[in-house]
Amino acid sequence: MAHVRGFDHVGITVADLDTASAFFVGLGLEVAGRMFVEGEFLDTVCGIPDSRTEICMLRPPGGETGLELSSFVRPDHEPGSPAAMANELGLRNVAFLVDDLEAAVDRLATDGYGLVGGIGEYEHIWRMAYMRGPEGIIVSLAERIG
């Protein structure tokens, strides 16, 4: 018997919630809600006593699987590796389907975000690129071409 009923969201902790959420809104996600969370629930779930975080839930048009950005007010965030590559252990990328990969890459480049490598093509079916987003987050953009 399967226990998982669906995939709800991926959570990423960031230092600058405004910059990170603006980046993902620029990709086409929509803000589903933004709020502060603290108290017994958060302390229990994350295992950090007296914690407080601000979260921004983003979802693609149509309300599918979401992206939860979280910025801790208490305690302060712990720095990660902003130059992490895809072979480092842990969450290394968040992936999105796009209609026009070149346009998405160009738009992010105008905001100062660059490719991690290049634009690759897989068996004339997919084109994909890794972009380095705010705080070093690797964002995978994929376009189905065949």
N, C-alpha and C. Protein backbone atom coordinates (compact mmCIF):
# COMPACT_ATOMS: atom_id res chain seq x y z
N MET A 1 0.84 -1.19 0.00
CA MET A 1 0.00 0.00 0.00
C MET A 1 0.88 1.24 0.00
N ALA A 2 0.65 2.12 -0.95
CA ALA A 2 1.43 3.35 -1.05
C ALA A 2 0.97 4.36 -0.01
N HIS A 3 1.93 5.01 0.62
CA HIS A 3 1.60 6.03 1.62
C HIS A 3 1.61 7.43 1.02
N VAL A 4 2.38 7.63 -0.03
CA VAL A 4 2.46 8.96 -0.65
C VAL A 4 1.24 9.15 -1.54
N ARG A 5 0.56 10.27 -1.37
CA ARG A 5 -0.63 10.58 -2.17
C ARG A 5 -0.34 11.59 -3.26
N GLY A 6 0.78 12.29 -3.17
CA GLY A 6 1.11 13.31 -4.15
C GLY A 6 2.39 14.00 -3.76
N PHE A 7 2.83 14.89 -4.62
CA PHE A 7 4.03 15.67 -4.37
C PHE A 7 3.60 17.11 -4.18
N ASP A 8 3.80 17.66 -2.98
CA ASP A 8 3.29 18.98 -2.67
C ASP A 8 4.26 20.11 -2.97
N HIS A 9 5.48 20.04 -2.40
CA HIS A 9 6.42 21.14 -2.61
C HIS A 9 7.85 20.72 -2.30
N VAL A 10 8.77 21.56 -2.74
CA VAL A 10 10.18 21.46 -2.39
C VAL A 10 10.49 22.72 -1.58
N GLY A 11 11.23 22.57 -0.49
CA GLY A 11 11.58 23.72 0.33
C GLY A 11 13.05 24.07 0.22
N ILE A 12 13.33 25.35 0.10
CA ILE A 12 14.71 25.84 0.02
C ILE A 12 14.85 26.98 1.02
N THR A 13 15.87 26.90 1.87
CA THR A 13 16.15 27.97 2.82
C THR A 13 17.09 28.98 2.17
N VAL A 14 16.71 30.25 2.25
CA VAL A 14 17.49 31.33 1.63
C VAL A 14 17.73 32.44 2.65
N ALA A 15 18.73 33.26 2.39
CA ALA A 15 18.99 34.40 3.26
C ALA A 15 18.13 35.60 2.87
N ASP A 16 17.96 35.84 1.57
CA ASP A 16 17.23 37.00 1.07
C ASP A 16 15.95 36.52 0.38
N LEU A 17 14.86 36.50 1.12
CA LEU A 17 13.59 35.99 0.62
C LEU A 17 13.05 36.84 -0.53
N ASP A 18 13.22 38.15 -0.46
CA ASP A 18 12.71 39.02 -1.52
C ASP A 18 13.40 38.75 -2.85
N THR A 19 14.73 38.66 -2.83
CA THR A 19 15.47 38.42 -4.07
C THR A 19 15.16 37.05 -4.63
N ALA A 20 15.13 36.04 -3.78
CA ALA A 20 14.86 34.68 -4.25
C ALA A 20 13.45 34.56 -4.81
N SER A 21 12.47 35.11 -4.12
CA SER A 21 11.10 35.00 -4.62
C SER A 21 10.92 35.79 -5.91
N ALA A 22 11.57 36.94 -6.04
CA ALA A 22 11.49 37.72 -7.29
C ALA A 22 12.08 36.93 -8.46
N PHE A 23 13.16 36.21 -8.21
CA PHE A 23 13.78 35.38 -9.25
C PHE A 23 12.78 34.36 -9.77
N PHE A 24 12.12 33.63 -8.87
CA PHE A 24 11.21 32.58 -9.28
C PHE A 24 9.91 33.14 -9.86
N VAL A 25 9.47 34.29 -9.39
CA VAL A 25 8.32 34.96 -10.00
C VAL A 25 8.68 35.36 -11.43
N GLY A 26 9.92 35.81 -11.63
CA GLY A 26 10.38 36.15 -12.97
C GLY A 26 10.40 34.96 -13.92
N LEU A 27 10.53 33.76 -13.37
CA LEU A 27 10.47 32.55 -14.19
C LEU A 27 9.04 32.17 -14.54
N GLY A 28 8.08 32.75 -13.84
CA GLY A 28 6.68 32.45 -14.13
C GLY A 28 5.90 31.82 -13.01
N LEU A 29 6.56 31.58 -11.85
CA LEU A 29 5.81 31.06 -10.71
C LEU A 29 4.97 32.18 -10.11
N GLU A 30 3.93 31.80 -9.41
CA GLU A 30 3.05 32.78 -8.78
C GLU A 30 3.10 32.61 -7.27
N VAL A 31 3.05 33.73 -6.55
CA VAL A 31 3.05 33.68 -5.09
C VAL A 31 1.69 33.18 -4.62
N ALA A 32 1.69 32.05 -3.92
CA ALA A 32 0.46 31.48 -3.38
C ALA A 32 0.22 31.96 -1.96
N GLY A 33 1.26 32.46 -1.31
CA GLY A 33 1.13 32.97 0.05
C GLY A 33 2.49 33.29 0.64
N ARG A 34 2.47 34.21 1.59
CA ARG A 34 3.70 34.58 2.29
C ARG A 34 3.32 34.88 3.73
N MET A 35 4.08 34.29 4.67
CA MET A 35 3.74 34.46 6.07
C MET A 35 4.91 34.10 6.98
N PHE A 36 4.79 34.51 8.24
CA PHE A 36 5.74 34.11 9.27
C PHE A 36 5.19 32.89 9.98
N VAL A 37 6.09 31.99 10.36
CA VAL A 37 5.71 30.80 11.12
C VAL A 37 6.64 30.71 12.32
N GLU A 38 6.06 30.46 13.49
CA GLU A 38 6.84 30.26 14.71
C GLU A 38 5.98 29.51 15.71
N GLY A 39 6.59 29.12 16.80
CA GLY A 39 5.84 28.45 17.85
C GLY A 39 6.09 26.95 17.89
N GLU A 40 5.25 26.27 18.66
CA GLU A 40 5.45 24.85 18.92
C GLU A 40 5.49 24.02 17.64
N PHE A 41 4.61 24.33 16.68
CA PHE A 41 4.59 23.56 15.43
C PHE A 41 5.96 23.60 14.74
N LEU A 42 6.48 24.80 14.49
CA LEU A 42 7.76 24.93 13.79
C LEU A 42 8.90 24.33 14.61
N ASP A 43 8.93 24.62 15.91
CA ASP A 43 9.98 24.08 16.77
C ASP A 43 10.01 22.55 16.70
N THR A 44 8.82 21.94 16.69
CA THR A 44 8.72 20.49 16.65
C THR A 44 9.15 19.94 15.29
N VAL A 45 8.64 20.52 14.23
CA VAL A 45 8.91 19.99 12.89
C VAL A 45 10.38 20.15 12.51
N CYS A 46 10.96 21.33 12.72
CA CYS A 46 12.34 21.54 12.27
C CYS A 46 13.37 21.19 13.35
N GLY A 47 12.91 20.97 14.58
CA GLY A 47 13.83 20.57 15.64
C GLY A 47 14.73 21.68 16.13
N ILE A 48 14.32 22.93 15.93
CA ILE A 48 15.10 24.08 16.37
C ILE A 48 14.23 24.87 17.35
N PRO A 49 14.55 24.82 18.66
CA PRO A 49 13.74 25.54 19.64
C PRO A 49 13.74 27.05 19.41
N ASP A 50 12.60 27.68 19.68
CA ASP A 50 12.42 29.13 19.58
C ASP A 50 12.75 29.66 18.19
N SER A 51 12.37 28.91 17.17
CA SER A 51 12.66 29.35 15.80
C SER A 51 11.52 30.19 15.24
N ARG A 52 11.84 31.00 14.26
CA ARG A 52 10.88 31.84 13.54
C ARG A 52 11.39 31.95 12.11
N THR A 53 10.49 31.73 11.17
CA THR A 53 10.87 31.81 9.77
C THR A 53 9.79 32.52 8.98
N GLU A 54 10.18 33.15 7.91
CA GLU A 54 9.23 33.71 6.96
C GLU A 54 9.26 32.82 5.74
N ILE A 55 8.09 32.41 5.28
CA ILE A 55 8.03 31.55 4.10
C ILE A 55 7.25 32.23 2.98
N CYS A 56 7.63 31.88 1.77
CA CYS A 56 6.91 32.32 0.58
C CYS A 56 6.66 31.06 -0.25
N MET A 57 5.38 30.73 -0.44
CA MET A 57 5.02 29.56 -1.25
C MET A 57 4.73 30.03 -2.66
N LEU A 58 5.41 29.39 -3.60
CA LEU A 58 5.25 29.72 -5.02
C LEU A 58 4.74 28.48 -5.74
N ARG A 59 3.89 28.70 -6.73
CA ARG A 59 3.37 27.59 -7.53
C ARG A 59 3.32 28.02 -9.00
N PRO A 60 3.48 27.05 -9.89
CA PRO A 60 3.33 27.37 -11.31
C PRO A 60 1.87 27.67 -11.63
N PRO A 61 1.59 28.34 -12.74
CA PRO A 61 0.20 28.55 -13.13
C PRO A 61 -0.52 27.20 -13.17
N GLY A 62 -1.68 27.13 -12.59
CA GLY A 62 -2.41 25.87 -12.51
C GLY A 62 -2.29 25.22 -11.16
N GLY A 63 -1.39 25.72 -10.30
CA GLY A 63 -1.30 25.27 -8.92
C GLY A 63 -0.68 23.92 -8.69
N GLU A 64 0.23 23.50 -9.52
CA GLU A 64 0.87 22.19 -9.35
C GLU A 64 1.85 22.23 -8.17
N THR A 65 2.80 21.29 -8.16
CA THR A 65 3.81 21.19 -7.10
C THR A 65 4.45 22.56 -6.86
N GLY A 66 4.60 22.90 -5.59
CA GLY A 66 5.08 24.22 -5.23
C GLY A 66 6.54 24.27 -4.82
N LEU A 67 7.02 25.48 -4.68
CA LEU A 67 8.36 25.76 -4.20
C LEU A 67 8.20 26.65 -2.98
N GLU A 68 8.66 26.16 -1.82
CA GLU A 68 8.58 26.93 -0.58
C GLU A 68 9.94 27.53 -0.30
N LEU A 69 10.02 28.84 -0.30
CA LEU A 69 11.25 29.54 0.09
C LEU A 69 11.08 29.95 1.54
N SER A 70 12.11 29.72 2.33
CA SER A 70 12.05 30.01 3.75
C SER A 70 13.30 30.78 4.17
N SER A 71 13.08 31.83 4.96
CA SER A 71 14.21 32.60 5.48
C SER A 71 14.05 32.69 7.00
N PHE A 72 15.04 32.15 7.71
CA PHE A 72 14.95 32.12 9.17
C PHE A 72 15.27 33.48 9.77
N VAL A 73 14.39 33.90 10.69
CA VAL A 73 14.60 35.11 11.48
C VAL A 73 15.36 34.73 12.74
N ARG A 74 14.97 33.59 13.35
CA ARG A 74 15.66 33.01 14.50
C ARG A 74 15.73 31.51 14.31
N PRO A 75 16.79 30.91 14.61
CA PRO A 75 18.13 31.51 14.64
C PRO A 75 18.55 31.91 13.24
N ASP A 76 19.62 32.64 13.14
CA ASP A 76 20.11 33.08 11.84
C ASP A 76 20.44 31.85 10.99
N HIS A 77 20.36 32.02 9.69
CA HIS A 77 20.64 30.90 8.77
C HIS A 77 22.10 30.49 8.83
N GLU A 78 22.36 29.26 8.47
CA GLU A 78 23.71 28.74 8.36
C GLU A 78 24.11 28.78 6.90
N PRO A 79 25.27 29.33 6.58
CA PRO A 79 25.65 29.44 5.16
C PRO A 79 25.89 28.08 4.53
N GLY A 80 25.48 27.96 3.28
CA GLY A 80 25.74 26.77 2.49
C GLY A 80 26.88 27.06 1.53
N SER A 81 27.01 26.25 0.53
CA SER A 81 28.05 26.45 -0.48
C SER A 81 27.42 27.07 -1.72
N PRO A 82 27.57 28.38 -1.93
CA PRO A 82 26.92 29.02 -3.07
C PRO A 82 27.51 28.61 -4.42
N ALA A 83 28.64 27.93 -4.42
CA ALA A 83 29.25 27.49 -5.68
C ALA A 83 29.12 25.98 -5.85
N ALA A 84 28.19 25.34 -5.12
CA ALA A 84 28.04 23.89 -5.19
C ALA A 84 27.74 23.45 -6.62
N MET A 85 28.30 22.33 -6.98
CA MET A 85 28.07 21.75 -8.30
C MET A 85 27.14 20.55 -8.17
N ALA A 86 26.67 20.05 -9.30
CA ALA A 86 25.66 19.00 -9.34
C ALA A 86 26.11 17.69 -8.70
N ASN A 87 27.41 17.47 -8.56
CA ASN A 87 27.88 16.20 -7.98
C ASN A 87 28.05 16.27 -6.47
N GLU A 88 27.79 17.42 -5.84
CA GLU A 88 27.87 17.52 -4.39
C GLU A 88 26.60 16.95 -3.77
N LEU A 89 26.75 16.26 -2.63
CA LEU A 89 25.61 15.64 -1.98
C LEU A 89 24.61 16.69 -1.51
N GLY A 90 23.34 16.33 -1.55
CA GLY A 90 22.29 17.23 -1.11
C GLY A 90 21.46 17.70 -2.28
N LEU A 91 20.48 18.55 -1.99
CA LEU A 91 19.62 19.11 -3.03
C LEU A 91 20.46 20.04 -3.90
N ARG A 92 20.59 19.72 -5.16
CA ARG A 92 21.46 20.52 -6.02
C ARG A 92 20.71 21.32 -7.06
N ASN A 93 19.50 20.92 -7.42
CA ASN A 93 18.78 21.74 -8.39
C ASN A 93 17.28 21.58 -8.21
N VAL A 94 16.58 22.57 -8.68
CA VAL A 94 15.14 22.53 -8.77
C VAL A 94 14.83 22.72 -10.25
N ALA A 95 13.95 21.88 -10.81
CA ALA A 95 13.76 21.84 -12.27
C ALA A 95 12.38 22.34 -12.67
N PHE A 96 12.37 23.05 -13.81
CA PHE A 96 11.13 23.58 -14.35
C PHE A 96 11.07 23.32 -15.85
N LEU A 97 9.87 23.05 -16.33
CA LEU A 97 9.63 22.96 -17.77
C LEU A 97 9.36 24.36 -18.28
N VAL A 98 9.94 24.70 -19.42
CA VAL A 98 9.72 26.00 -20.04
C VAL A 98 9.31 25.79 -21.50
N ASP A 99 8.66 26.80 -22.07
CA ASP A 99 8.25 26.73 -23.47
C ASP A 99 9.38 27.10 -24.42
N ASP A 100 10.23 28.03 -23.99
CA ASP A 100 11.31 28.54 -24.85
C ASP A 100 12.57 28.68 -24.01
N LEU A 101 13.43 27.67 -24.09
CA LEU A 101 14.64 27.64 -23.26
C LEU A 101 15.54 28.84 -23.52
N GLU A 102 15.79 29.15 -24.79
CA GLU A 102 16.67 30.28 -25.13
C GLU A 102 16.15 31.58 -24.52
N ALA A 103 14.85 31.82 -24.63
CA ALA A 103 14.27 33.05 -24.08
C ALA A 103 14.40 33.09 -22.56
N ALA A 104 14.19 31.95 -21.91
CA ALA A 104 14.32 31.90 -20.45
C ALA A 104 15.76 32.17 -20.03
N VAL A 105 16.72 31.57 -20.71
CA VAL A 105 18.14 31.78 -20.41
C VAL A 105 18.51 33.24 -20.64
N ASP A 106 18.07 33.80 -21.76
CA ASP A 106 18.37 35.20 -22.08
C ASP A 106 17.77 36.15 -21.04
N ARG A 107 16.54 35.87 -20.62
CA ARG A 107 15.90 36.73 -19.64
C ARG A 107 16.63 36.70 -18.30
N LEU A 108 17.04 35.51 -17.87
CA LEU A 108 17.78 35.41 -16.61
C LEU A 108 19.15 36.07 -16.73
N ALA A 109 19.75 35.99 -17.89
CA ALA A 109 21.06 36.62 -18.12
C ALA A 109 20.97 38.13 -17.98
N THR A 110 19.85 38.73 -18.40
CA THR A 110 19.69 40.18 -18.26
C THR A 110 19.64 40.61 -16.80
N ASP A 111 19.26 39.67 -15.92
CA ASP A 111 19.23 39.95 -14.48
C ASP A 111 20.54 39.56 -13.80
N GLY A 112 21.53 39.12 -14.59
CA GLY A 112 22.84 38.79 -14.03
C GLY A 112 23.04 37.34 -13.66
N TYR A 113 22.11 36.47 -14.01
CA TYR A 113 22.24 35.05 -13.70
C TYR A 113 22.80 34.33 -14.92
N GLY A 114 23.74 33.41 -14.67
CA GLY A 114 24.42 32.76 -15.79
C GLY A 114 24.26 31.26 -15.82
N LEU A 115 24.66 30.70 -16.94
CA LEU A 115 24.66 29.25 -17.12
C LEU A 115 25.73 28.62 -16.24
N VAL A 116 25.46 27.45 -15.70
CA VAL A 116 26.47 26.68 -14.97
C VAL A 116 27.41 26.05 -15.99
N GLY A 117 26.86 25.51 -17.04
CA GLY A 117 27.62 24.89 -18.13
C GLY A 117 27.14 25.47 -19.44
N GLY A 118 26.42 24.67 -20.21
CA GLY A 118 25.87 25.13 -21.48
C GLY A 118 24.47 24.57 -21.67
N ILE A 119 23.93 24.78 -22.86
CA ILE A 119 22.62 24.24 -23.21
C ILE A 119 22.86 22.91 -23.91
N GLY A 120 22.30 21.85 -23.34
CA GLY A 120 22.48 20.52 -23.90
C GLY A 120 21.20 20.02 -24.54
N GLU A 121 21.38 19.08 -25.48
CA GLU A 121 20.23 18.46 -26.13
C GLU A 121 20.33 16.96 -25.97
N TYR A 122 19.22 16.33 -25.59
CA TYR A 122 19.19 14.89 -25.37
C TYR A 122 18.30 14.22 -26.41
N GLU A 123 18.93 13.46 -27.29
CA GLU A 123 18.27 12.63 -28.29
C GLU A 123 17.15 13.34 -29.05
N HIS A 124 17.34 14.59 -29.38
CA HIS A 124 16.36 15.40 -30.13
C HIS A 124 14.99 15.44 -29.45
N ILE A 125 14.98 15.23 -28.12
CA ILE A 125 13.73 15.24 -27.36
C ILE A 125 13.69 16.40 -26.37
N TRP A 126 14.81 16.61 -25.68
CA TRP A 126 14.88 17.64 -24.64
C TRP A 126 16.06 18.56 -24.86
N ARG A 127 15.87 19.83 -24.53
CA ARG A 127 16.97 20.78 -24.39
C ARG A 127 16.94 21.21 -22.94
N MET A 128 18.13 21.29 -22.32
CA MET A 128 18.18 21.61 -20.90
C MET A 128 19.40 22.46 -20.60
N ALA A 129 19.25 23.29 -19.58
CA ALA A 129 20.36 24.11 -19.10
C ALA A 129 20.24 24.25 -17.59
N TYR A 130 21.38 24.31 -16.92
CA TYR A 130 21.45 24.66 -15.51
C TYR A 130 21.81 26.13 -15.42
N MET A 131 21.01 26.89 -14.68
CA MET A 131 21.30 28.30 -14.41
C MET A 131 21.63 28.43 -12.93
N ARG A 132 22.55 29.33 -12.61
CA ARG A 132 22.89 29.60 -11.21
C ARG A 132 22.03 30.78 -10.76
N GLY A 133 21.05 30.50 -9.90
CA GLY A 133 20.13 31.51 -9.42
C GLY A 133 20.64 32.20 -8.18
N PRO A 134 19.76 32.91 -7.48
CA PRO A 134 20.18 33.62 -6.27
C PRO A 134 20.69 32.64 -5.22
N GLU A 135 21.69 33.08 -4.47
CA GLU A 135 22.29 32.31 -3.38
C GLU A 135 22.84 30.97 -3.83
N GLY A 136 23.19 30.88 -5.11
CA GLY A 136 23.83 29.68 -5.63
C GLY A 136 22.89 28.56 -6.01
N ILE A 137 21.58 28.78 -5.92
CA ILE A 137 20.61 27.73 -6.26
C ILE A 137 20.75 27.39 -7.74
N ILE A 138 20.91 26.09 -8.04
CA ILE A 138 20.94 25.66 -9.43
C ILE A 138 19.51 25.41 -9.88
N VAL A 139 19.11 26.10 -10.94
CA VAL A 139 17.77 25.96 -11.50
C VAL A 139 17.91 25.29 -12.87
N SER A 140 17.30 24.11 -12.99
CA SER A 140 17.31 23.38 -14.24
C SER A 140 16.11 23.80 -15.07
N LEU A 141 16.36 24.22 -16.29
CA LEU A 141 15.29 24.60 -17.20
C LEU A 141 15.27 23.61 -18.35
N ALA A 142 14.11 23.03 -18.64
CA ALA A 142 14.02 22.01 -19.68
C ALA A 142 12.90 22.35 -20.66
N GLU A 143 13.20 22.16 -21.95
CA GLU A 143 12.22 22.39 -23.00
C GLU A 143 12.09 21.10 -23.81
N ARG A 144 10.88 20.62 -23.94
CA ARG A 144 10.63 19.43 -24.76
C ARG A 144 10.59 19.87 -26.22
N ILE A 145 11.44 19.27 -27.04
CA ILE A 145 11.52 19.68 -28.44
C ILE A 145 11.09 18.58 -29.41
N GLY A 146 10.89 17.38 -28.93
CA GLY A 146 10.53 16.30 -29.84
C GLY A 146 9.51 15.37 -29.23
